[in-house]
Amino acid sequence: MHNLLVGIQVICAIVILVSILMQPSKMDGFNFFSGGGETFYSHNKSKTRESRLARVTVLSSVLFAVVVIMQNLPKFIQ
C-alpha cells in the first residue's frame, strides 16, 4: 500500500510541475496604464487552455495533499 501511495504521489508531483510550467505568466510586461479592457477571452474563461491547466493544477494538488495525509495517518493514530 505504501508503494502505491508513493507512486501516486510522484505522478501527482510531475503533473503539478508540468501544468505549472505550461501556464502563461500573468505579467506580460509592466502595463500600468493599459486598464485591462474586456476581451472575448475574458468572457469565455472556462473554455480556454489556461483554465484547464489551472483546473488540472488544483485537482492534482488536492490529490497530492490527500495522498500525503493518507501516508502519515498511521503515524498519528498510534
N, C-alpha and C. Protein backbone atom coordinates (compact mmCIF):
# COMPACT_ATOMS: atom_id res chain seq x y z
N MET A 1 0.82 -1.19 0.00
CA MET A 1 0.00 0.00 0.00
C MET A 1 0.87 1.26 0.00
N HIS A 2 1.96 1.20 0.76
CA HIS A 2 2.85 2.35 0.85
C HIS A 2 3.48 2.64 -0.52
N ASN A 3 3.88 1.60 -1.24
CA ASN A 3 4.49 1.80 -2.55
C ASN A 3 3.50 2.39 -3.55
N LEU A 4 2.24 1.99 -3.46
CA LEU A 4 1.21 2.55 -4.34
C LEU A 4 1.02 4.03 -4.07
N LEU A 5 0.97 4.40 -2.79
CA LEU A 5 0.80 5.81 -2.44
C LEU A 5 2.00 6.66 -2.86
N VAL A 6 3.20 6.09 -2.74
CA VAL A 6 4.40 6.82 -3.19
C VAL A 6 4.36 7.00 -4.70
N GLY A 7 3.92 5.99 -5.43
CA GLY A 7 3.80 6.11 -6.89
C GLY A 7 2.80 7.17 -7.30
N ILE A 8 1.64 7.18 -6.63
CA ILE A 8 0.63 8.20 -6.91
C ILE A 8 1.17 9.59 -6.58
N GLN A 9 1.92 9.68 -5.50
CA GLN A 9 2.49 10.97 -5.09
C GLN A 9 3.49 11.47 -6.12
N VAL A 10 4.32 10.61 -6.65
CA VAL A 10 5.31 11.00 -7.66
C VAL A 10 4.61 11.45 -8.93
N ILE A 11 3.58 10.71 -9.35
CA ILE A 11 2.85 11.08 -10.56
C ILE A 11 2.16 12.43 -10.38
N CYS A 12 1.55 12.65 -9.22
CA CYS A 12 0.91 13.94 -8.95
C CYS A 12 1.92 15.08 -8.96
N ALA A 13 3.08 14.84 -8.39
CA ALA A 13 4.12 15.88 -8.36
C ALA A 13 4.55 16.25 -9.78
N ILE A 14 4.71 15.25 -10.63
CA ILE A 14 5.12 15.52 -12.01
C ILE A 14 4.02 16.28 -12.75
N VAL A 15 2.75 15.89 -12.54
CA VAL A 15 1.63 16.58 -13.19
C VAL A 15 1.56 18.03 -12.71
N ILE A 16 1.77 18.26 -11.42
CA ILE A 16 1.75 19.63 -10.89
C ILE A 16 2.85 20.47 -11.53
N LEU A 17 4.05 19.93 -11.58
CA LEU A 17 5.17 20.68 -12.16
C LEU A 17 4.93 21.00 -13.63
N VAL A 18 4.49 20.03 -14.40
CA VAL A 18 4.26 20.26 -15.83
C VAL A 18 3.13 21.25 -16.05
N SER A 19 2.04 21.12 -15.30
CA SER A 19 0.92 22.04 -15.50
C SER A 19 1.27 23.47 -15.09
N ILE A 20 2.09 23.63 -14.07
CA ILE A 20 2.51 24.98 -13.68
C ILE A 20 3.45 25.58 -14.73
N LEU A 21 4.37 24.77 -15.23
CA LEU A 21 5.32 25.29 -16.21
C LEU A 21 4.66 25.61 -17.55
N MET A 22 3.55 24.97 -17.86
CA MET A 22 2.85 25.22 -19.13
C MET A 22 1.95 26.45 -19.07
N GLN A 23 1.64 26.93 -17.88
CA GLN A 23 0.76 28.09 -17.76
C GLN A 23 1.49 29.36 -18.16
N PRO A 24 0.81 30.25 -18.88
CA PRO A 24 1.44 31.52 -19.25
C PRO A 24 1.59 32.42 -18.03
N SER A 25 2.55 33.32 -18.10
CA SER A 25 2.77 34.23 -16.97
C SER A 25 1.65 35.25 -16.91
N LYS A 26 1.36 35.73 -15.74
CA LYS A 26 0.30 36.72 -15.55
C LYS A 26 0.79 38.13 -15.84
N MET A 27 2.09 38.36 -15.79
CA MET A 27 2.63 39.69 -16.04
C MET A 27 3.24 39.73 -17.43
N ASP A 28 2.56 40.33 -18.37
CA ASP A 28 3.07 40.50 -19.73
C ASP A 28 3.63 41.90 -19.87
N GLY A 29 4.78 42.15 -19.31
CA GLY A 29 5.35 43.49 -19.29
C GLY A 29 4.61 44.31 -18.25
N PHE A 30 5.16 45.35 -17.81
CA PHE A 30 4.55 46.16 -16.78
C PHE A 30 3.59 47.17 -17.40
N ASN A 31 2.36 46.73 -17.66
CA ASN A 31 1.35 47.60 -18.26
C ASN A 31 0.52 48.26 -17.17
N PHE A 32 1.05 49.34 -16.61
CA PHE A 32 0.34 50.03 -15.55
C PHE A 32 -0.78 50.90 -16.09
N PHE A 33 -0.68 51.32 -17.33
CA PHE A 33 -1.61 52.29 -17.87
C PHE A 33 -2.63 51.71 -18.83
N SER A 34 -2.62 50.40 -19.07
CA SER A 34 -3.50 49.83 -20.08
C SER A 34 -4.93 49.69 -19.59
N GLY A 35 -5.17 49.43 -18.33
CA GLY A 35 -6.53 49.39 -17.80
C GLY A 35 -7.19 48.03 -17.86
N GLY A 36 -6.69 47.08 -18.60
CA GLY A 36 -7.27 45.74 -18.65
C GLY A 36 -8.66 45.70 -19.22
N GLY A 37 -8.80 45.95 -20.50
CA GLY A 37 -10.10 46.00 -21.13
C GLY A 37 -10.76 44.64 -21.25
N GLU A 38 -12.04 44.65 -21.55
CA GLU A 38 -12.81 43.43 -21.72
C GLU A 38 -12.48 42.82 -23.09
N THR A 39 -12.19 41.53 -23.09
CA THR A 39 -11.91 40.84 -24.34
C THR A 39 -12.82 39.64 -24.45
N PHE A 40 -12.80 39.02 -25.60
CA PHE A 40 -13.58 37.81 -25.82
C PHE A 40 -13.14 36.71 -24.88
N TYR A 41 -11.83 36.60 -24.67
CA TYR A 41 -11.32 35.53 -23.82
C TYR A 41 -11.63 35.75 -22.35
N SER A 42 -11.79 36.99 -21.94
CA SER A 42 -12.13 37.22 -20.54
C SER A 42 -13.57 36.80 -20.24
N HIS A 43 -14.43 36.82 -21.25
CA HIS A 43 -15.81 36.39 -21.06
C HIS A 43 -15.93 34.87 -21.11
N ASN A 44 -15.07 34.19 -21.86
CA ASN A 44 -15.14 32.74 -22.03
C ASN A 44 -13.96 32.05 -21.38
N LYS A 45 -13.67 32.40 -20.13
CA LYS A 45 -12.51 31.86 -19.43
C LYS A 45 -12.62 30.36 -19.16
N SER A 46 -13.83 29.83 -19.05
CA SER A 46 -13.98 28.43 -18.67
C SER A 46 -13.58 27.48 -19.78
N LYS A 47 -13.43 27.95 -20.99
CA LYS A 47 -13.11 27.06 -22.11
C LYS A 47 -11.69 27.24 -22.64
N THR A 48 -10.89 28.05 -22.00
CA THR A 48 -9.56 28.30 -22.50
C THR A 48 -8.56 27.28 -21.96
N ARG A 49 -7.41 27.26 -22.58
CA ARG A 49 -6.34 26.36 -22.16
C ARG A 49 -5.85 26.72 -20.76
N GLU A 50 -5.82 28.01 -20.47
CA GLU A 50 -5.39 28.48 -19.14
C GLU A 50 -6.28 27.91 -18.04
N SER A 51 -7.57 27.94 -18.25
CA SER A 51 -8.48 27.45 -17.21
C SER A 51 -8.36 25.94 -17.04
N ARG A 52 -8.14 25.22 -18.13
CA ARG A 52 -7.95 23.77 -18.00
C ARG A 52 -6.67 23.45 -17.25
N LEU A 53 -5.60 24.17 -17.54
CA LEU A 53 -4.34 23.95 -16.82
C LEU A 53 -4.48 24.32 -15.35
N ALA A 54 -5.19 25.38 -15.05
CA ALA A 54 -5.41 25.77 -13.66
C ALA A 54 -6.23 24.72 -12.93
N ARG A 55 -7.23 24.17 -13.61
CA ARG A 55 -8.06 23.13 -13.00
C ARG A 55 -7.26 21.87 -12.74
N VAL A 56 -6.41 21.48 -13.71
CA VAL A 56 -5.55 20.30 -13.53
C VAL A 56 -4.59 20.52 -12.38
N THR A 57 -4.05 21.72 -12.26
CA THR A 57 -3.13 22.03 -11.17
C THR A 57 -3.81 21.92 -9.81
N VAL A 58 -4.99 22.46 -9.69
CA VAL A 58 -5.71 22.42 -8.42
C VAL A 58 -6.09 20.98 -8.06
N LEU A 59 -6.62 20.22 -9.03
CA LEU A 59 -7.03 18.85 -8.74
C LEU A 59 -5.85 17.96 -8.36
N SER A 60 -4.74 18.10 -9.09
CA SER A 60 -3.58 17.28 -8.76
C SER A 60 -2.96 17.71 -7.43
N SER A 61 -3.05 18.97 -7.08
CA SER A 61 -2.54 19.44 -5.79
C SER A 61 -3.38 18.88 -4.64
N VAL A 62 -4.69 18.87 -4.82
CA VAL A 62 -5.57 18.31 -3.79
C VAL A 62 -5.32 16.81 -3.64
N LEU A 63 -5.18 16.10 -4.75
CA LEU A 63 -4.88 14.67 -4.70
C LEU A 63 -3.54 14.41 -4.03
N PHE A 64 -2.56 15.26 -4.31
CA PHE A 64 -1.24 15.14 -3.68
C PHE A 64 -1.36 15.31 -2.16
N ALA A 65 -2.13 16.30 -1.73
CA ALA A 65 -2.30 16.54 -0.30
C ALA A 65 -3.01 15.37 0.37
N VAL A 66 -4.02 14.82 -0.28
CA VAL A 66 -4.75 13.68 0.28
C VAL A 66 -3.84 12.47 0.42
N VAL A 67 -2.99 12.24 -0.58
CA VAL A 67 -2.07 11.10 -0.53
C VAL A 67 -1.06 11.29 0.59
N VAL A 68 -0.56 12.49 0.79
CA VAL A 68 0.39 12.75 1.88
C VAL A 68 -0.27 12.51 3.23
N ILE A 69 -1.51 12.94 3.38
CA ILE A 69 -2.23 12.70 4.63
C ILE A 69 -2.46 11.20 4.84
N MET A 70 -2.82 10.48 3.78
CA MET A 70 -3.03 9.04 3.90
C MET A 70 -1.74 8.31 4.27
N GLN A 71 -0.61 8.79 3.77
CA GLN A 71 0.66 8.16 4.10
C GLN A 71 1.02 8.37 5.57
N ASN A 72 0.70 9.50 6.13
CA ASN A 72 1.08 9.83 7.50
C ASN A 72 0.00 9.54 8.52
N LEU A 73 -1.16 9.11 8.10
CA LEU A 73 -2.25 8.84 9.02
C LEU A 73 -1.93 7.76 10.04
N PRO A 74 -1.29 6.65 9.66
CA PRO A 74 -0.96 5.64 10.68
C PRO A 74 -0.03 6.15 11.78
N LYS A 75 0.80 7.11 11.49
CA LYS A 75 1.71 7.67 12.49
C LYS A 75 0.95 8.48 13.54
N PHE A 76 -0.14 9.13 13.13
CA PHE A 76 -0.92 9.93 14.06
C PHE A 76 -1.86 9.08 14.90
N ILE A 77 -2.28 7.93 14.39
CA ILE A 77 -3.22 7.07 15.12
C ILE A 77 -2.54 6.38 16.29
N GLN A 78 -1.28 6.03 16.17
CA GLN A 78 -0.58 5.28 17.22
C GLN A 78 -0.40 6.06 18.46
